Amino acid sequence: MNKADRIKQVNTFIRVMADNGRRFFYSKKFDRYGHFFLGFDGHLRWRDEYTNKAIYLTGMNNWHKGFTNGGTLQSIVKMFTDYIRKGKPVNLNYFRNFKDWRGDVWGYGEAMTPVTEAAQAAFGNPANSPLSPVEGET
């Protein structure tokens, strides 16, 4: 899979996240989704759903200027950046519903199910890479 394919794959998954639960990466005010794209120079960028700014993702120290989401979503964008650029595996545990273990940390409730399933379908290999068990979870 090449970079353009991985961008499409990630953006499709982001839509699932944005269309469920708390609708992270979606701005109701502007009816706009955050997404990855390649700039005219071929560099990976994130289009913020609220500011509509194109955020240059190289040199990850200051890229968050213009990023309107919190630290957890910033970590997810960084993880997807590594996946798109290098094919580094996506940590599926970000997209689990921990309601039985820690409480509903995402605040999605039952709406987390389609997000978890979409993450597994997009980034997991059911044969050898299921959602990792979490220590202490039975």
N, C-alpha and C. Protein backbone atom coordinates (compact mmCIF):
# COMPACT_ATOMS: atom_id res chain seq x y z
N MET A 1 0.86 -1.17 0.00
CA MET A 1 0.00 0.00 0.00
C MET A 1 0.91 1.24 0.00
N ASN A 2 0.62 2.20 -0.86
CA ASN A 2 1.43 3.41 -0.93
C ASN A 2 0.85 4.52 -0.03
N LYS A 3 1.54 5.64 0.00
CA LYS A 3 1.14 6.75 0.88
C LYS A 3 -0.26 7.26 0.55
N ALA A 4 -0.57 7.41 -0.72
CA ALA A 4 -1.90 7.91 -1.11
C ALA A 4 -3.00 6.94 -0.66
N ASP A 5 -2.73 5.64 -0.76
CA ASP A 5 -3.71 4.64 -0.31
C ASP A 5 -3.91 4.71 1.21
N ARG A 6 -2.79 4.89 1.93
CA ARG A 6 -2.90 4.98 3.39
C ARG A 6 -3.63 6.25 3.80
N ILE A 7 -3.43 7.36 3.09
CA ILE A 7 -4.18 8.59 3.39
C ILE A 7 -5.68 8.34 3.22
N LYS A 8 -6.05 7.72 2.13
CA LYS A 8 -7.46 7.43 1.88
C LYS A 8 -8.03 6.51 2.97
N GLN A 9 -7.26 5.51 3.34
CA GLN A 9 -7.68 4.57 4.38
C GLN A 9 -7.90 5.28 5.72
N VAL A 10 -6.94 6.11 6.12
CA VAL A 10 -7.05 6.84 7.38
C VAL A 10 -8.21 7.83 7.33
N ASN A 11 -8.35 8.57 6.25
CA ASN A 11 -9.44 9.54 6.14
C ASN A 11 -10.81 8.86 6.20
N THR A 12 -10.92 7.69 5.60
CA THR A 12 -12.17 6.93 5.67
C THR A 12 -12.47 6.56 7.12
N PHE A 13 -11.44 6.12 7.84
CA PHE A 13 -11.63 5.77 9.25
C PHE A 13 -11.99 7.01 10.08
N ILE A 14 -11.33 8.13 9.83
CA ILE A 14 -11.61 9.37 10.57
C ILE A 14 -13.08 9.75 10.39
N ARG A 15 -13.64 9.53 9.23
CA ARG A 15 -15.06 9.82 9.00
C ARG A 15 -15.95 8.97 9.91
N VAL A 16 -15.56 7.70 10.10
CA VAL A 16 -16.32 6.84 11.01
C VAL A 16 -16.26 7.41 12.42
N MET A 17 -15.06 7.80 12.87
CA MET A 17 -14.92 8.42 14.20
C MET A 17 -15.77 9.67 14.30
N ALA A 18 -15.72 10.48 13.26
CA ALA A 18 -16.40 11.78 13.28
C ALA A 18 -17.91 11.66 13.16
N ASP A 19 -18.38 10.56 12.64
CA ASP A 19 -19.82 10.37 12.46
C ASP A 19 -20.48 9.61 13.61
N ASN A 20 -19.70 9.28 14.64
CA ASN A 20 -20.22 8.53 15.78
C ASN A 20 -19.87 9.22 17.09
N GLY A 21 -20.63 8.92 18.12
CA GLY A 21 -20.33 9.38 19.47
C GLY A 21 -20.18 10.89 19.58
N ARG A 22 -19.06 11.33 20.09
CA ARG A 22 -18.81 12.75 20.32
C ARG A 22 -18.36 13.49 19.07
N ARG A 23 -18.22 12.76 17.98
CA ARG A 23 -17.92 13.34 16.66
C ARG A 23 -16.59 14.08 16.62
N PHE A 24 -15.56 13.46 17.21
CA PHE A 24 -14.22 14.03 17.13
C PHE A 24 -13.81 14.18 15.67
N PHE A 25 -13.06 15.21 15.36
CA PHE A 25 -12.57 15.53 14.03
C PHE A 25 -13.69 16.00 13.09
N TYR A 26 -14.79 16.47 13.67
CA TYR A 26 -15.87 17.05 12.88
C TYR A 26 -16.28 18.38 13.51
N SER A 27 -16.48 19.40 12.68
CA SER A 27 -16.98 20.69 13.15
C SER A 27 -18.40 20.85 12.68
N LYS A 28 -19.33 20.83 13.63
CA LYS A 28 -20.73 21.05 13.29
C LYS A 28 -20.93 22.48 12.79
N LYS A 29 -20.22 23.41 13.41
CA LYS A 29 -20.35 24.83 13.03
C LYS A 29 -20.05 25.04 11.55
N PHE A 30 -19.01 24.38 11.05
CA PHE A 30 -18.59 24.57 9.66
C PHE A 30 -18.94 23.38 8.76
N ASP A 31 -19.57 22.34 9.34
CA ASP A 31 -19.90 21.12 8.61
C ASP A 31 -18.68 20.62 7.83
N ARG A 32 -17.60 20.38 8.60
CA ARG A 32 -16.32 20.05 7.97
C ARG A 32 -15.61 18.98 8.80
N TYR A 33 -14.89 18.11 8.12
CA TYR A 33 -14.12 17.04 8.75
C TYR A 33 -12.63 17.35 8.67
N GLY A 34 -11.90 17.00 9.73
CA GLY A 34 -10.45 17.04 9.66
C GLY A 34 -9.98 15.90 8.78
N HIS A 35 -8.88 16.11 8.07
CA HIS A 35 -8.38 15.06 7.19
C HIS A 35 -6.93 15.30 6.80
N PHE A 36 -6.29 14.23 6.36
CA PHE A 36 -4.93 14.28 5.84
C PHE A 36 -4.98 14.51 4.34
N PHE A 37 -3.94 15.16 3.84
CA PHE A 37 -3.79 15.33 2.39
C PHE A 37 -2.32 15.61 2.08
N LEU A 38 -1.96 15.44 0.82
CA LEU A 38 -0.63 15.80 0.37
C LEU A 38 -0.69 17.21 -0.21
N GLY A 39 0.21 18.07 0.28
CA GLY A 39 0.27 19.43 -0.24
C GLY A 39 0.83 19.46 -1.65
N PHE A 40 0.81 20.63 -2.25
CA PHE A 40 1.32 20.79 -3.61
C PHE A 40 2.77 20.36 -3.73
N ASP A 41 3.50 20.42 -2.62
CA ASP A 41 4.91 20.03 -2.60
C ASP A 41 5.12 18.56 -2.27
N GLY A 42 4.02 17.81 -2.10
CA GLY A 42 4.12 16.40 -1.80
C GLY A 42 4.26 16.07 -0.33
N HIS A 43 4.26 17.08 0.55
CA HIS A 43 4.38 16.84 1.99
C HIS A 43 3.01 16.59 2.62
N LEU A 44 3.03 15.73 3.60
CA LEU A 44 1.80 15.38 4.31
C LEU A 44 1.34 16.55 5.18
N ARG A 45 0.04 16.80 5.13
CA ARG A 45 -0.57 17.86 5.93
C ARG A 45 -1.87 17.36 6.53
N TRP A 46 -2.29 18.07 7.60
CA TRP A 46 -3.58 17.84 8.25
C TRP A 46 -4.41 19.09 8.05
N ARG A 47 -5.63 18.93 7.59
CA ARG A 47 -6.56 20.05 7.46
C ARG A 47 -7.44 20.03 8.70
N ASP A 48 -7.31 21.07 9.53
CA ASP A 48 -8.09 21.14 10.77
C ASP A 48 -9.54 21.43 10.44
N GLU A 49 -10.42 20.71 11.10
CA GLU A 49 -11.85 20.83 10.81
C GLU A 49 -12.45 22.14 11.28
N TYR A 50 -11.86 22.75 12.28
CA TYR A 50 -12.43 24.00 12.81
C TYR A 50 -11.81 25.23 12.14
N THR A 51 -10.48 25.30 12.14
CA THR A 51 -9.81 26.48 11.57
C THR A 51 -9.69 26.40 10.05
N ASN A 52 -9.78 25.20 9.50
CA ASN A 52 -9.57 24.94 8.08
C ASN A 52 -8.12 25.21 7.66
N LYS A 53 -7.21 25.31 8.64
CA LYS A 53 -5.80 25.52 8.34
C LYS A 53 -5.16 24.22 7.88
N ALA A 54 -4.26 24.35 6.94
CA ALA A 54 -3.44 23.22 6.51
C ALA A 54 -2.22 23.19 7.43
N ILE A 55 -2.07 22.13 8.21
CA ILE A 55 -0.99 22.04 9.18
C ILE A 55 0.08 21.14 8.62
N TYR A 56 1.27 21.69 8.50
CA TYR A 56 2.43 20.98 7.99
C TYR A 56 2.92 20.03 9.07
N LEU A 57 3.01 18.74 8.78
CA LEU A 57 3.27 17.73 9.79
C LEU A 57 4.73 17.29 9.88
N THR A 58 5.62 17.96 9.20
CA THR A 58 7.03 17.63 9.31
C THR A 58 7.62 18.45 10.45
N GLY A 59 8.52 17.84 11.22
CA GLY A 59 9.06 18.53 12.38
C GLY A 59 7.97 18.68 13.42
N MET A 60 7.55 17.56 13.98
CA MET A 60 6.35 17.48 14.80
C MET A 60 6.38 18.33 16.07
N ASN A 61 7.41 19.15 16.29
CA ASN A 61 7.47 19.94 17.51
C ASN A 61 6.48 21.10 17.52
N ASN A 62 6.33 21.81 16.42
CA ASN A 62 5.47 22.99 16.40
C ASN A 62 4.27 22.85 15.49
N TRP A 63 4.04 21.67 14.97
CA TRP A 63 2.96 21.50 14.00
C TRP A 63 1.58 21.72 14.60
N HIS A 64 1.47 21.62 15.92
CA HIS A 64 0.16 21.71 16.55
C HIS A 64 -0.44 23.11 16.51
N LYS A 65 0.31 24.12 16.08
CA LYS A 65 -0.26 25.46 15.96
C LYS A 65 -1.35 25.43 14.89
N GLY A 66 -2.55 25.78 15.28
CA GLY A 66 -3.68 25.70 14.37
C GLY A 66 -4.49 24.43 14.54
N PHE A 67 -3.98 23.51 15.36
CA PHE A 67 -4.70 22.27 15.64
C PHE A 67 -5.63 22.53 16.82
N THR A 68 -6.93 22.33 16.63
CA THR A 68 -7.89 22.76 17.64
C THR A 68 -8.37 21.65 18.56
N ASN A 69 -7.85 20.45 18.42
CA ASN A 69 -8.25 19.35 19.29
C ASN A 69 -7.24 19.18 20.42
N GLY A 70 -7.59 18.36 21.40
CA GLY A 70 -6.75 18.15 22.57
C GLY A 70 -5.61 17.18 22.33
N GLY A 71 -4.90 16.88 23.41
CA GLY A 71 -3.69 16.07 23.35
C GLY A 71 -3.90 14.65 22.90
N THR A 72 -5.00 14.01 23.30
CA THR A 72 -5.24 12.64 22.87
C THR A 72 -5.45 12.58 21.36
N LEU A 73 -6.23 13.51 20.83
CA LEU A 73 -6.46 13.52 19.38
C LEU A 73 -5.19 13.92 18.63
N GLN A 74 -4.38 14.77 19.25
CA GLN A 74 -3.10 15.11 18.65
C GLN A 74 -2.23 13.85 18.57
N SER A 75 -2.25 13.03 19.61
CA SER A 75 -1.48 11.77 19.59
C SER A 75 -1.98 10.84 18.49
N ILE A 76 -3.29 10.82 18.29
CA ILE A 76 -3.84 9.98 17.22
C ILE A 76 -3.40 10.49 15.85
N VAL A 77 -3.40 11.80 15.66
CA VAL A 77 -2.93 12.36 14.38
C VAL A 77 -1.45 12.03 14.19
N LYS A 78 -0.65 12.11 15.24
CA LYS A 78 0.77 11.74 15.13
C LYS A 78 0.92 10.27 14.77
N MET A 79 0.12 9.41 15.40
CA MET A 79 0.19 7.98 15.10
C MET A 79 -0.18 7.73 13.64
N PHE A 80 -1.24 8.37 13.17
CA PHE A 80 -1.64 8.21 11.77
C PHE A 80 -0.59 8.78 10.83
N THR A 81 0.08 9.85 11.24
CA THR A 81 1.15 10.43 10.43
C THR A 81 2.26 9.40 10.22
N ASP A 82 2.65 8.71 11.29
CA ASP A 82 3.68 7.66 11.18
C ASP A 82 3.20 6.49 10.32
N TYR A 83 1.93 6.18 10.43
CA TYR A 83 1.37 5.10 9.61
C TYR A 83 1.39 5.49 8.13
N ILE A 84 0.95 6.70 7.83
CA ILE A 84 0.90 7.15 6.44
C ILE A 84 2.30 7.24 5.85
N ARG A 85 3.21 7.84 6.57
CA ARG A 85 4.57 8.04 6.05
C ARG A 85 5.37 6.75 5.95
N LYS A 86 5.36 5.96 7.04
CA LYS A 86 6.28 4.83 7.15
C LYS A 86 5.61 3.48 7.19
N GLY A 87 4.28 3.45 7.24
CA GLY A 87 3.59 2.17 7.38
C GLY A 87 3.66 1.60 8.78
N LYS A 88 4.03 2.44 9.76
CA LYS A 88 4.12 1.98 11.15
C LYS A 88 2.74 1.55 11.62
N PRO A 89 2.62 0.37 12.26
CA PRO A 89 1.30 -0.13 12.66
C PRO A 89 0.54 0.84 13.57
N VAL A 90 -0.76 0.84 13.40
CA VAL A 90 -1.66 1.67 14.21
C VAL A 90 -1.96 0.90 15.49
N ASN A 91 -1.90 1.59 16.62
CA ASN A 91 -2.22 0.98 17.91
C ASN A 91 -3.74 0.94 18.05
N LEU A 92 -4.30 -0.24 17.86
CA LEU A 92 -5.75 -0.40 17.90
C LEU A 92 -6.35 -0.14 19.28
N ASN A 93 -5.53 -0.17 20.31
CA ASN A 93 -6.04 0.08 21.66
C ASN A 93 -6.58 1.50 21.82
N TYR A 94 -6.15 2.43 20.98
CA TYR A 94 -6.72 3.78 21.02
C TYR A 94 -8.22 3.77 20.74
N PHE A 95 -8.67 2.76 20.03
CA PHE A 95 -10.04 2.76 19.53
C PHE A 95 -10.92 1.70 20.18
N ARG A 96 -10.59 1.36 21.41
CA ARG A 96 -11.37 0.41 22.19
C ARG A 96 -12.31 1.17 23.11
N ASN A 97 -13.36 0.51 23.48
CA ASN A 97 -14.25 1.06 24.49
C ASN A 97 -13.89 0.39 25.81
N PHE A 98 -13.31 1.15 26.72
CA PHE A 98 -12.86 0.61 27.99
C PHE A 98 -13.91 0.72 29.09
N LYS A 99 -15.17 0.81 28.72
CA LYS A 99 -16.20 1.10 29.72
C LYS A 99 -16.25 0.09 30.85
N ASP A 100 -15.90 -1.16 30.58
CA ASP A 100 -15.94 -2.17 31.65
C ASP A 100 -14.70 -2.13 32.53
N TRP A 101 -13.67 -1.44 32.09
CA TRP A 101 -12.40 -1.46 32.81
C TRP A 101 -12.11 -0.12 33.48
N ARG A 102 -12.20 0.97 32.75
CA ARG A 102 -11.84 2.29 33.26
C ARG A 102 -12.99 3.28 33.24
N GLY A 103 -14.12 2.86 32.79
CA GLY A 103 -15.19 3.81 32.52
C GLY A 103 -15.16 4.16 31.05
N ASP A 104 -16.09 4.92 30.62
CA ASP A 104 -16.21 5.27 29.21
C ASP A 104 -15.28 6.44 28.89
N VAL A 105 -13.98 6.14 28.72
CA VAL A 105 -12.97 7.19 28.57
C VAL A 105 -13.18 8.05 27.32
N TRP A 106 -13.75 7.50 26.28
CA TRP A 106 -14.00 8.27 25.06
C TRP A 106 -15.29 9.07 25.15
N GLY A 107 -16.19 8.65 26.03
CA GLY A 107 -17.48 9.30 26.11
C GLY A 107 -18.38 8.94 24.94
N TYR A 108 -18.10 7.83 24.27
CA TYR A 108 -18.88 7.41 23.11
C TYR A 108 -20.01 6.46 23.48
N GLY A 109 -19.92 5.81 24.62
CA GLY A 109 -20.92 4.81 24.96
C GLY A 109 -20.95 3.71 23.92
N GLU A 110 -22.15 3.25 23.61
CA GLU A 110 -22.31 2.17 22.62
C GLU A 110 -21.90 2.63 21.22
N ALA A 111 -21.82 3.92 20.98
CA ALA A 111 -21.42 4.44 19.67
C ALA A 111 -19.95 4.13 19.37
N MET A 112 -19.21 3.62 20.37
CA MET A 112 -17.80 3.27 20.14
C MET A 112 -17.70 1.98 19.32
N THR A 113 -18.71 1.15 19.33
CA THR A 113 -18.66 -0.13 18.63
C THR A 113 -18.32 0.02 17.15
N PRO A 114 -18.99 0.90 16.38
CA PRO A 114 -18.60 1.01 14.97
C PRO A 114 -17.18 1.55 14.78
N VAL A 115 -16.71 2.37 15.72
CA VAL A 115 -15.34 2.89 15.63
C VAL A 115 -14.34 1.76 15.84
N THR A 116 -14.59 0.95 16.88
CA THR A 116 -13.72 -0.20 17.16
C THR A 116 -13.70 -1.16 15.98
N GLU A 117 -14.87 -1.45 15.44
CA GLU A 117 -14.95 -2.38 14.31
C GLU A 117 -14.28 -1.81 13.06
N ALA A 118 -14.44 -0.52 12.82
CA ALA A 118 -13.79 0.11 11.66
C ALA A 118 -12.28 0.12 11.82
N ALA A 119 -11.79 0.36 13.03
CA ALA A 119 -10.33 0.33 13.28
C ALA A 119 -9.78 -1.05 13.00
N GLN A 120 -10.47 -2.07 13.50
CA GLN A 120 -10.03 -3.45 13.28
C GLN A 120 -10.03 -3.77 11.79
N ALA A 121 -11.08 -3.38 11.10
CA ALA A 121 -11.18 -3.68 9.67
C ALA A 121 -10.12 -2.94 8.86
N ALA A 122 -9.85 -1.69 9.22
CA ALA A 122 -8.91 -0.88 8.44
C ALA A 122 -7.46 -1.18 8.75
N PHE A 123 -7.14 -1.38 10.03
CA PHE A 123 -5.73 -1.43 10.44
C PHE A 123 -5.30 -2.72 11.09
N GLY A 124 -6.23 -3.61 11.37
CA GLY A 124 -5.88 -4.86 12.02
C GLY A 124 -5.96 -6.01 11.06
N ASN A 125 -5.18 -7.01 11.30
CA ASN A 125 -5.27 -8.24 10.55
C ASN A 125 -5.92 -9.25 11.48
N PRO A 126 -7.18 -9.59 11.27
CA PRO A 126 -7.88 -10.47 12.20
C PRO A 126 -7.16 -11.79 12.46
N ALA A 127 -6.36 -12.25 11.52
CA ALA A 127 -5.68 -13.53 11.70
C ALA A 127 -4.53 -13.44 12.71
N ASN A 128 -3.84 -12.30 12.74
CA ASN A 128 -2.66 -12.25 13.61
C ASN A 128 -2.51 -10.95 14.39
N SER A 129 -3.47 -10.05 14.31
CA SER A 129 -3.32 -8.78 15.01
C SER A 129 -4.64 -8.29 15.58
N PRO A 130 -5.27 -9.12 16.44
CA PRO A 130 -6.53 -8.67 17.02
C PRO A 130 -6.27 -7.55 18.02
N LEU A 131 -7.32 -6.95 18.50
CA LEU A 131 -7.16 -5.96 19.55
C LEU A 131 -6.38 -6.59 20.68
N SER A 132 -5.35 -5.93 21.12
CA SER A 132 -4.51 -6.47 22.18
C SER A 132 -5.26 -6.48 23.49
N PRO A 133 -5.12 -7.55 24.27
CA PRO A 133 -5.76 -7.54 25.58
C PRO A 133 -5.11 -6.48 26.46
N VAL A 134 -5.89 -5.89 27.30
CA VAL A 134 -5.40 -4.86 28.21
C VAL A 134 -5.17 -5.51 29.55
N GLU A 135 -4.01 -5.21 30.14
CA GLU A 135 -3.68 -5.78 31.44
C GLU A 135 -4.77 -5.46 32.46
N GLY A 136 -5.23 -6.49 33.16
CA GLY A 136 -6.26 -6.31 34.16
C GLY A 136 -7.67 -6.48 33.63
N GLU A 137 -7.82 -6.58 32.33
CA GLU A 137 -9.16 -6.73 31.73
C GLU A 137 -9.45 -8.21 31.58
N THR A 138 -10.65 -8.62 31.92
CA THR A 138 -11.01 -10.04 31.77
C THR A 138 -12.16 -10.17 30.80
